[in-house]
Protein backbone atom coordinates (compact mmCIF):
# COMPACT_ATOMS: atom_id res chain seq x y z
CA MET A 1 0.00 0.00 0.00
CA LYS A 2 2.83 2.38 0.82
CA ALA A 3 4.34 1.86 -2.65
CA GLU A 4 0.98 2.49 -4.30
CA ARG A 5 0.54 5.74 -2.36
CA GLY A 6 4.01 6.77 -3.51
CA CYS A 7 3.06 6.11 -7.12
CA ARG A 8 -0.11 8.18 -6.86
CA ALA A 9 1.98 11.06 -5.51
CA ALA A 10 4.47 10.63 -8.33
CA ALA A 11 1.66 10.73 -10.88
CA ARG A 12 0.59 14.09 -9.53
CA THR A 13 4.03 15.67 -9.32
CA LEU A 14 5.97 13.88 -12.11
CA ASP A 15 8.63 13.14 -9.52
CA LYS A 16 10.13 9.72 -10.27
CA TRP A 17 7.20 8.87 -12.55
CA TYR A 18 9.39 6.20 -14.18
CA GLU A 19 9.34 4.16 -10.98
CA CYS A 20 5.57 3.80 -11.18
CA SER A 21 4.60 3.73 -14.85
CA PHE A 22 6.52 0.65 -15.99
CA ARG A 23 4.40 -2.00 -14.31
CA GLU A 24 1.65 -4.45 -15.28
CA ASP A 25 -0.57 -1.85 -16.98
CA TYR A 26 2.37 -0.78 -19.16
CA LEU A 27 2.36 -4.24 -20.72
CA LEU A 28 -1.20 -3.66 -21.90
CA VAL A 29 -0.83 -0.01 -22.93
CA TYR A 30 2.19 -0.83 -25.12
CA ARG A 31 1.17 -4.32 -26.18
CA HIS A 32 1.52 -3.31 -29.85
CA ARG A 33 5.26 -2.83 -29.30
CA ASP A 34 6.02 -6.51 -29.81
CA LYS A 35 8.79 -8.77 -31.10
CA ALA A 36 7.82 -8.20 -34.74
CA ALA A 37 8.11 -4.43 -34.21
CA ALA A 38 11.53 -4.94 -32.61
CA GLU A 39 12.70 -6.84 -35.69
CA ARG A 40 11.58 -3.96 -37.90
CA GLU A 41 13.22 -1.40 -35.66
CA LEU A 42 16.60 -3.17 -35.53
CA GLY A 43 16.87 -5.08 -38.81
CA ALA A 44 18.38 -2.43 -41.09
CA LEU A 45 20.44 -0.94 -38.28
CA LEU A 46 22.11 -4.26 -37.38
CA ASP A 47 22.81 -4.96 -41.04
CA PHE A 48 24.43 -1.53 -41.30
CA LEU A 49 26.54 -1.90 -38.14
CA ASN A 50 27.63 -5.44 -39.08
CA LEU A 51 28.88 -6.29 -35.61
CA PRO A 52 30.87 -9.56 -35.48
CA SER A 53 29.08 -12.61 -34.14
CA GLY A 54 29.79 -13.02 -30.43
CA SER A 55 30.06 -9.28 -29.79
CA ARG A 56 29.19 -8.20 -26.25
CA VAL A 57 26.12 -5.97 -26.43
CA LEU A 58 24.31 -3.96 -23.76
CA ASP A 59 20.60 -3.19 -24.12
CA ALA A 60 20.28 -0.23 -21.76
CA CYS A 61 16.73 0.34 -20.48
CA CYS A 62 15.69 -2.94 -22.08
CA GLY A 63 12.09 -3.05 -20.82
CA THR A 64 10.46 -6.37 -21.75
CA GLY A 65 13.58 -7.44 -23.61
CA ARG A 66 12.09 -7.44 -27.09
CA HIS A 67 15.22 -5.85 -28.57
CA SER A 68 17.49 -8.03 -26.42
CA VAL A 69 15.86 -11.08 -28.02
CA VAL A 70 16.54 -9.76 -31.52
CA LEU A 71 20.17 -9.04 -30.61
CA ALA A 72 20.68 -12.49 -29.09
CA ARG A 73 19.21 -14.19 -32.14
CA ARG A 74 21.76 -12.31 -34.24
CA GLY A 75 24.49 -14.14 -32.36
CA TYR A 76 25.48 -11.49 -29.82
CA ARG A 77 26.12 -11.98 -26.11
CA VAL A 78 23.57 -9.64 -24.54
CA VAL A 79 23.12 -7.98 -21.18
CA GLY A 80 19.82 -6.18 -20.63
CA VAL A 81 19.45 -3.57 -17.90
CA ASP A 82 16.24 -1.99 -16.63
CA LEU A 83 14.86 -0.47 -13.43
CA SER A 84 11.47 -2.18 -13.57
CA GLU A 85 11.34 -5.64 -12.01
CA VAL A 86 7.95 -6.20 -13.65
CA LEU A 87 9.37 -5.61 -17.12
CA LEU A 88 12.50 -7.62 -16.35
CA ALA A 89 10.38 -10.61 -15.35
CA ARG A 90 8.66 -10.46 -18.73
CA ALA A 91 12.06 -10.01 -20.42
CA ARG A 92 13.44 -13.17 -18.80
CA ALA A 93 10.42 -15.12 -19.99
CA ASN A 94 10.71 -13.69 -23.52
CA ALA A 95 14.43 -14.55 -23.75
CA ALA A 96 14.27 -18.05 -22.28
CA GLY A 97 16.94 -20.24 -23.88
CA LEU A 98 18.86 -17.33 -25.39
CA PRO A 99 22.29 -15.96 -24.32
CA VAL A 100 20.88 -12.95 -22.48
CA ARG A 101 21.48 -11.88 -18.89
CA PHE A 102 19.13 -9.35 -17.32
CA VAL A 103 20.15 -7.05 -14.47
CA ARG A 104 18.08 -4.58 -12.45
CA GLN A 105 19.89 -1.24 -12.30
CA ASP A 106 19.16 2.47 -12.58
CA VAL A 107 20.87 3.63 -15.78
CA ARG A 108 22.17 6.71 -13.95
CA MET A 109 24.22 4.37 -11.75
CA LEU A 110 24.95 1.78 -14.43
CA ASP A 111 27.76 -0.57 -13.41
CA VAL A 112 28.14 -3.56 -15.73
CA GLY A 113 31.81 -3.33 -16.67
CA GLY A 114 33.49 -1.40 -19.46
CA ASP A 115 34.22 -3.78 -22.30
CA PHE A 116 31.02 -3.89 -24.37
CA ASP A 117 31.37 -3.74 -28.12
CA ALA A 118 28.04 -1.94 -28.49
CA VAL A 119 25.47 -0.23 -26.29
CA PHE A 120 21.89 0.28 -27.50
CA ASN A 121 19.37 2.67 -25.95
CA LEU A 122 16.15 2.20 -27.93
CA PHE A 123 12.50 3.23 -28.18
CA THR A 124 12.94 6.66 -26.53
CA SER A 125 14.36 5.27 -23.30
CA PHE A 126 16.26 8.50 -22.75
CA GLY A 127 15.30 11.95 -21.49
CA TYR A 128 13.27 10.86 -18.46
CA PHE A 129 15.30 12.79 -15.88
CA SER A 130 16.68 16.26 -15.23
CA ASP A 131 19.32 17.52 -17.66
CA ALA A 132 22.05 16.69 -15.15
CA ASP A 133 20.76 13.15 -14.64
CA ASN A 134 20.25 12.61 -18.37
CA GLN A 135 23.90 13.56 -18.88
CA ARG A 136 24.88 11.22 -16.06
CA ALA A 137 22.97 8.36 -17.71
CA LEU A 138 24.74 8.96 -21.02
CA CYS A 139 28.13 9.03 -19.32
CA ARG A 140 27.39 5.74 -17.60
CA MET A 141 26.34 4.11 -20.86
CA ALA A 142 29.45 5.42 -22.59
CA ARG A 143 31.67 4.05 -19.82
CA ALA A 144 30.26 0.58 -20.49
CA LEU A 145 31.86 0.63 -23.96
CA ARG A 146 35.38 -0.34 -24.86
CA PRO A 147 37.28 2.44 -26.71
CA GLY A 148 35.96 2.44 -30.27
CA GLY A 149 32.77 0.67 -29.20
CA VAL A 150 29.48 1.63 -30.85
CA PHE A 151 26.69 3.56 -29.14
CA VAL A 152 23.20 3.67 -30.69
CA LEU A 153 20.51 6.06 -29.45
CA ASP A 154 16.98 5.72 -30.85
CA TYR A 155 15.13 8.83 -29.71
CA LEU A 156 12.10 10.85 -30.76
CA ASN A 157 12.57 13.79 -33.11
CA PRO A 158 11.30 16.90 -31.24
CA ALA A 159 10.26 18.92 -34.30
CA TYR A 160 8.27 15.97 -35.66
CA VAL A 161 6.60 15.44 -32.27
CA ARG A 162 5.55 19.09 -32.17
CA ARG A 163 4.07 18.88 -35.66
CA THR A 164 2.24 15.55 -35.33
CA LEU A 165 1.30 15.29 -31.64
CA VAL A 166 -2.09 13.65 -31.05
CA HIS A 167 -3.44 15.46 -28.00
CA ARG A 168 -6.00 12.84 -26.97
CA SER A 169 -6.75 9.24 -27.89
CA VAL A 170 -9.02 6.56 -26.43
CA ARG A 171 -9.00 2.83 -27.12
CA THR A 172 -10.15 -0.40 -25.54
CA VAL A 173 -7.84 -3.39 -25.15
CA GLU A 174 -9.15 -6.65 -23.66
CA GLY A 175 -12.02 -4.81 -22.01
CA THR A 176 -9.74 -2.15 -20.54
CA ARG A 177 -10.30 1.50 -21.48
CA ILE A 178 -7.06 3.39 -22.13
CA GLU A 179 -7.21 7.17 -22.44
CA GLU A 180 -4.02 9.04 -23.30
CA THR A 181 -3.60 12.81 -23.30
CA ARG A 182 -0.44 14.51 -24.52
CA ALA A 183 0.97 18.02 -24.34
CA ILE A 184 4.23 19.84 -24.90
CA VAL A 185 5.43 22.02 -22.04
CA ASP A 186 8.20 24.45 -22.94
CA ALA A 187 9.06 25.87 -19.52
CA PRO A 188 11.37 25.56 -17.76
CA VAL A 189 12.72 23.21 -20.49
CA PRO A 190 10.86 21.53 -23.36
CA ARG A 191 9.25 18.21 -22.46
CA VAL A 192 6.46 16.11 -23.92
CA GLU A 193 4.07 15.05 -21.18
CA LYS A 194 1.61 12.18 -21.33
CA THR A 195 -1.14 11.20 -18.92
CA ILE A 196 -2.48 7.64 -19.20
CA VAL A 197 -5.76 6.69 -17.53
CA VAL A 198 -6.44 2.95 -17.40
CA ALA A 199 -9.95 1.83 -16.37
CA ASP A 200 -11.28 -1.71 -15.93
CA SER A 201 -13.28 -3.79 -13.47
CA ARG A 202 -10.59 -3.24 -10.83
CA GLY A 203 -10.96 0.54 -10.97
CA THR A 204 -9.13 3.48 -12.49
CA ARG A 205 -5.38 4.04 -12.45
CA THR A 206 -3.45 7.09 -13.66
CA TYR A 207 0.13 7.16 -14.90
CA ARG A 208 2.39 9.90 -16.21
CA GLU A 209 5.25 9.99 -18.68
CA SER A 210 7.61 12.91 -19.21
CA VAL A 211 10.39 13.05 -21.80
CA ARG A 212 12.82 15.90 -22.36
CA LEU A 213 12.84 17.27 -25.91
CA TYR A 214 16.48 17.70 -26.97
CA SER A 215 17.32 19.46 -30.23
CA PRO A 216 20.07 17.95 -32.42
CA VAL A 217 22.50 20.59 -31.18
CA GLU A 218 21.68 19.80 -27.55
CA MET A 219 21.92 16.06 -28.19
CA SER A 220 25.30 16.50 -29.86
CA ARG A 221 26.58 18.31 -26.80
CA LEU A 222 25.30 15.65 -24.41
CA LEU A 223 26.90 12.84 -26.40
CA GLU A 224 30.20 14.61 -26.82
CA ASN A 225 30.31 15.44 -23.11
CA ALA A 226 30.00 11.70 -22.49
CA GLY A 227 33.09 11.03 -24.61
CA LEU A 228 31.15 9.83 -27.64
CA ARG A 229 32.05 10.83 -31.20
CA ILE A 230 28.99 11.06 -33.44
CA ARG A 231 29.36 9.20 -36.72
CA TYR A 232 25.88 8.95 -38.27
CA TRP A 233 22.42 10.47 -37.98
CA PHE A 234 19.35 8.63 -39.30
CA GLY A 235 15.72 9.69 -39.40
CA ASP A 236 13.85 6.38 -39.32
CA TYR A 237 14.28 2.62 -39.03
CA THR A 238 15.06 2.26 -42.74
CA LEU A 239 18.09 4.53 -42.15
CA THR A 240 16.86 7.43 -44.23
CA ALA A 241 18.96 10.57 -43.83
CA TYR A 242 17.96 12.60 -40.78
CA ASP A 243 15.86 15.68 -41.51
CA GLU A 244 15.27 17.80 -38.42
CA ALA A 245 11.90 19.09 -39.64
CA ARG A 246 10.41 15.89 -41.06
CA SER A 247 12.09 12.74 -39.74
CA PRO A 248 9.97 10.71 -37.29
CA ARG A 249 13.02 9.55 -35.29
CA MET A 250 16.42 10.83 -34.24
CA ILE A 251 18.72 7.81 -34.44
CA VAL A 252 22.34 8.54 -33.61
CA VAL A 253 25.28 6.18 -34.08
CA ALA A 254 28.40 7.19 -32.17
CA GLU A 255 31.60 5.64 -30.93
CA ARG A 256 33.47 5.87 -27.68
CA MET A 257 36.63 7.89 -28.00
CA GLY A 258 39.91 6.56 -26.67
CA SER A 259 40.54 6.74 -22.95
CA GLY A 260 42.88 9.69 -23.42
CA ALA A 261 40.34 11.84 -25.27
CA PRO A 262 38.72 14.75 -23.41
CA ALA A 263 35.10 14.13 -22.42
CA GLY A 264 33.81 16.96 -24.55
CA GLY A 265 36.24 16.60 -27.44
CA GLY A 266 34.06 14.80 -29.97
CA THR A 267 33.24 16.18 -33.38
CA VAL A 268 30.34 15.48 -35.70
CA GLU A 269 31.93 13.98 -38.79
CA ARG A 270 30.53 14.54 -42.24
CA ASN A 271 29.26 11.34 -43.79
CA GLU A 272 26.99 12.32 -46.66
CA GLY A 273 28.57 9.61 -48.79
CA ASP A 274 27.69 6.87 -46.33
CA ARG A 275 24.39 5.07 -46.12
CA GLY A 276 21.79 7.58 -45.03
CA GLY A 277 24.00 9.31 -42.49
CA LYS A 278 23.87 13.06 -42.18
CA ASP A 279 25.94 15.60 -40.35
CA VAL A 280 23.71 18.04 -38.44
């Protein structure tokens, strides 16, 4: 009961909303984000990266493990990390028999070693915290990479969100009514806020989501401060060139700089000749 009271308070104040929203109802609200969708989201990207079989891969903020499963089936040794024990339990069931290890950790205090060949942060699993804590999370993910290791961030594209935001939607799933309302709040910093009201025979439950809207320039600075050199920008899961005004996603591929490089010393390399990549 004490935990439930804490979640109701978090829903009202947005404080630590991420500790309360990723539970059993989340599995229903986002049921359409399934294994088939994960294959579509990762297929072209994994072909492009061409990581060697047996590479050590971290799925940071792995949720139900749907991307971890795809990575493991590609022949990689996968570690999935998430804060939600509910989602991790589902992830372990989804990945049964595959070379995946799941660990419960807060990404801001990530501690899984520093020799991963690649780190993935997918499906807008970034931007949940304050700017300082978002930077801390990126630094922790970067530290998990070996020098030269690949970092992939799959994040929403703020300009596209502003142009296409659906302010209210209602649907029914398995007899449960799900109402979602969305708004963009620009002060003190831009965030997209969502309220989710779930109603069924057990009653009504309210959840909140809040994601920081980072421009490409801001995102570049965050990544470079974490010691990551940006190599490619893509605008969707087919790896179309990133267009700040029109692309539905902001997908960034970066690499960890050598241990001697300054934390903020990365540069955005031009790559117009490469597949879909674009310097911003």
